[in-house]
């Protein structure tokens, strides 16, 4: 190795050492820059996700608005009374996942549940209405304990009273709660 090669080698080592020293001294700044870049990427992903959720919500609301416009001539009782799976499918739109009362109940908004509650009449109850009353009684009891409804629900569940008695207790409790 001649003297020129040694100088180049020393210069390369010196330059490498200076680079490492500078990186060590600036590591906090470099890490914060990397975190900011990552944070911005995550923020962009979150914003995109929020935007997609807004689009889905607007689409659902659009369907609801469309349904409201279609059914403006009918009163809510006409639409909600004597509930069938076909009517429920029309009401839920793309939220409908099949003929399962638990899923349908969970997809209904509280406003939709109230409309269904108001439209229930003892003389026009369908099997689906009865399932709704049973499930809504259970959910109401979980949220608002009621002695009368609790007794009626428990006796109906055990087969000791007919559905009509559960329905009367349910309607009384709904009247007390929501007016």
Protein backbone atom coordinates (compact mmCIF):
# COMPACT_ATOMS: atom_id res chain seq x y z
CA UNK A 1 0.00 0.00 0.00
CA UNK A 2 1.48 3.29 -0.94
CA UNK A 3 1.15 6.55 0.92
CA UNK A 4 -1.66 7.82 -1.30
CA UNK A 5 -3.84 4.75 -0.57
CA UNK A 6 -3.21 5.16 3.16
CA UNK A 7 -4.38 8.79 3.01
CA UNK A 8 -7.54 7.73 1.17
CA UNK A 9 -8.17 4.99 3.74
CA UNK A 10 -7.65 7.37 6.68
CA UNK A 11 -9.92 9.94 5.02
CA UNK A 12 -12.61 7.29 4.47
CA UNK A 13 -12.42 6.13 8.12
CA UNK A 14 -12.46 9.72 9.34
CA UNK A 15 -15.45 10.54 7.16
CA UNK A 16 -17.25 7.40 8.37
CA UNK A 17 -16.52 8.25 12.00
CA UNK A 18 -17.78 11.81 11.52
CA UNK A 19 -20.96 10.50 9.87
CA UNK A 20 -21.59 8.11 12.77
CA UNK A 21 -20.90 10.86 15.30
CA UNK A 22 -23.29 13.23 13.54
CA UNK A 23 -25.97 10.53 13.36
CA UNK A 24 -25.53 9.80 17.08
CA UNK A 25 -25.79 13.48 17.97
CA UNK A 26 -28.84 13.95 15.77
CA UNK A 27 -30.56 10.64 16.61
CA UNK A 28 -33.31 12.32 18.64
CA UNK A 29 -34.11 14.70 15.81
CA UNK A 30 -34.00 11.88 13.25
CA UNK A 31 -36.31 9.72 15.38
CA UNK A 32 -38.77 12.57 15.84
CA UNK A 33 -38.80 13.18 12.08
CA UNK A 34 -39.45 9.47 11.46
CA UNK A 35 -42.26 9.49 14.04
CA UNK A 36 -43.82 12.56 12.42
CA UNK A 37 -43.72 10.87 9.03
CA UNK A 38 -45.28 7.71 10.51
CA UNK A 39 -47.82 9.81 12.39
CA UNK A 40 -48.78 11.63 9.22
CA UNK A 41 -49.20 8.32 7.39
CA UNK A 42 -51.37 6.95 10.20
CA UNK A 43 -53.32 10.21 10.29
CA UNK A 44 -53.92 9.96 6.54
CA UNK A 45 -55.09 6.35 6.95
CA UNK A 46 -57.42 7.37 9.78
CA UNK A 47 -58.79 10.26 7.70
CA UNK A 48 -59.41 7.89 4.78
CA UNK A 49 -61.17 5.45 7.10
CA UNK A 50 -63.34 8.23 8.55
CA UNK A 51 -64.14 9.42 5.04
CA UNK A 52 -65.21 5.89 4.00
CA UNK A 53 -67.40 5.60 7.11
CA UNK A 54 -68.99 8.96 6.29
CA UNK A 55 -69.69 7.78 2.75
CA UNK A 56 -71.31 4.59 4.09
CA UNK A 57 -73.37 6.60 6.58
CA UNK A 58 -74.47 9.02 3.85
CA UNK A 59 -75.43 6.07 1.69
CA UNK A 60 -77.49 4.56 4.53
CA UNK A 61 -79.09 7.93 5.26
CA UNK A 62 -79.78 8.33 1.57
CA UNK A 63 -81.60 5.03 1.59
CA UNK A 64 -83.52 6.07 4.71
CA UNK A 65 -84.44 9.42 3.13
CA UNK A 66 -85.50 7.62 -0.03
CA UNK A 67 -87.64 5.26 2.03
CA UNK A 68 -89.20 8.18 3.90
CA UNK A 69 -90.03 9.90 0.62
CA UNK A 70 -91.53 6.69 -0.75
CA UNK A 71 -93.68 6.20 2.31
CA UNK A 72 -94.73 9.79 2.93
CA UNK A 73 -98.25 9.01 1.74
CA UNK A 74 -98.49 6.20 4.27
CA UNK A 75 -98.50 6.90 7.96
CA UNK A 76 -95.93 5.13 10.08
CA UNK A 77 -98.68 2.86 11.38
CA UNK A 78 -99.46 1.65 7.86
CA UNK A 79 -95.81 0.79 7.32
CA UNK A 80 -95.12 -0.60 10.77
CA UNK A 81 -98.41 -2.31 11.65
CA UNK A 82 -98.57 -6.02 10.90
CA UNK A 83 -94.80 -6.28 10.38
CA UNK A 84 -93.50 -8.89 7.95
CA UNK A 85 -89.97 -9.78 6.95
CA UNK A 86 -90.56 -8.13 3.57
CA UNK A 87 -91.53 -4.84 5.22
CA UNK A 88 -88.63 -5.07 7.63
CA UNK A 89 -86.25 -5.75 4.74
CA UNK A 90 -87.58 -2.64 2.99
CA UNK A 91 -87.17 -0.55 6.16
CA UNK A 92 -83.65 -1.77 6.91
CA UNK A 93 -82.42 -1.58 3.33
CA UNK A 94 -78.75 -2.57 3.14
CA UNK A 95 -78.69 -3.08 6.92
CA UNK A 96 -80.86 -6.18 6.47
CA UNK A 97 -78.77 -9.32 6.96
CA UNK A 98 -81.44 -12.00 6.94
CA UNK A 99 -84.51 -13.22 8.77
CA UNK A 100 -83.02 -13.06 12.26
CA UNK A 101 -84.92 -10.98 14.81
CA UNK A 102 -81.84 -10.41 17.00
CA UNK A 103 -79.81 -8.96 14.13
CA UNK A 104 -82.74 -7.00 12.77
CA UNK A 105 -83.42 -5.53 16.22
CA UNK A 106 -79.78 -4.51 16.59
CA UNK A 107 -79.82 -2.81 13.17
CA UNK A 108 -82.94 -0.77 13.91
CA UNK A 109 -82.36 2.75 15.15
CA UNK A 110 -84.09 3.81 18.36
CA UNK A 111 -86.41 5.99 16.28
CA UNK A 112 -87.40 2.99 14.16
CA UNK A 113 -87.99 0.90 17.27
CA UNK A 114 -90.25 3.64 18.65
CA UNK A 115 -92.28 3.68 15.44
CA UNK A 116 -92.68 -0.08 15.67
CA UNK A 117 -93.69 0.16 19.34
CA UNK A 118 -96.32 2.80 18.56
CA UNK A 119 -97.79 0.75 15.72
CA UNK A 120 -98.25 -2.43 17.76
CA UNK A 121 -101.93 -3.27 18.23
CA UNK A 122 -103.17 -6.43 19.89
CA UNK A 123 -105.66 -7.14 17.10
CA UNK A 124 -103.06 -7.05 14.30
CA UNK A 125 -99.99 -8.76 15.77
CA UNK A 126 -97.98 -10.94 13.41
CA UNK A 127 -95.49 -13.58 14.50
CA UNK A 128 -92.70 -11.08 13.82
CA UNK A 129 -94.45 -8.48 15.99
CA UNK A 130 -94.63 -11.03 18.80
CA UNK A 131 -90.92 -11.79 18.47
CA UNK A 132 -90.20 -8.07 18.59
CA UNK A 133 -92.36 -7.61 21.71
CA UNK A 134 -90.61 -10.51 23.44
CA UNK A 135 -87.13 -9.24 22.55
CA UNK A 136 -87.96 -5.60 23.27
CA UNK A 137 -89.44 -6.62 26.64
CA UNK A 138 -86.18 -8.34 27.49
CA UNK A 139 -84.08 -5.36 26.37
CA UNK A 140 -86.36 -2.91 28.20
CA UNK A 141 -86.04 -4.94 31.40
CA UNK A 142 -82.25 -4.83 31.10
CA UNK A 143 -82.27 -1.05 30.79
CA UNK A 144 -85.24 -0.15 33.02
CA UNK A 145 -86.14 -2.76 35.65
CA UNK A 146 -89.91 -3.04 36.07
CA UNK A 147 -91.66 -5.36 38.48
CA UNK A 148 -94.84 -5.87 36.43
CA UNK A 149 -93.05 -6.45 33.13
CA UNK A 150 -90.47 -8.66 34.81
CA UNK A 151 -93.15 -10.89 36.32
CA UNK A 152 -95.10 -11.09 33.06
CA UNK A 153 -91.94 -11.79 31.05
CA UNK A 154 -90.77 -14.53 33.39
CA UNK A 155 -94.21 -16.18 33.52
CA UNK A 156 -94.59 -16.03 29.75
CA UNK A 157 -91.13 -17.51 29.26
CA UNK A 158 -92.13 -20.42 31.50
CA UNK A 159 -95.42 -20.87 29.63
CA UNK A 160 -97.64 -19.88 32.56
CA UNK A 161 -99.45 -16.96 30.90
CA UNK A 162 -100.58 -16.29 27.32
CA UNK A 163 -98.82 -13.78 25.10
CA UNK A 164 -101.67 -11.29 25.47
CA UNK A 165 -100.83 -10.76 29.15
CA UNK A 166 -97.16 -10.18 28.35
CA UNK A 167 -98.24 -7.76 25.62
CA UNK A 168 -100.45 -5.78 28.02
CA UNK A 169 -97.63 -5.52 30.59
CA UNK A 170 -95.21 -4.52 27.81
CA UNK A 171 -97.53 -1.79 26.45
CA UNK A 172 -98.09 -0.42 29.98
CA UNK A 173 -94.35 -0.24 30.61
CA UNK A 174 -93.64 1.38 27.23
CA UNK A 175 -96.40 3.91 27.97
CA UNK A 176 -94.79 4.72 31.33
CA UNK A 177 -91.31 5.03 29.85
CA UNK A 178 -91.99 6.90 26.63
CA UNK A 179 -95.43 8.42 27.12
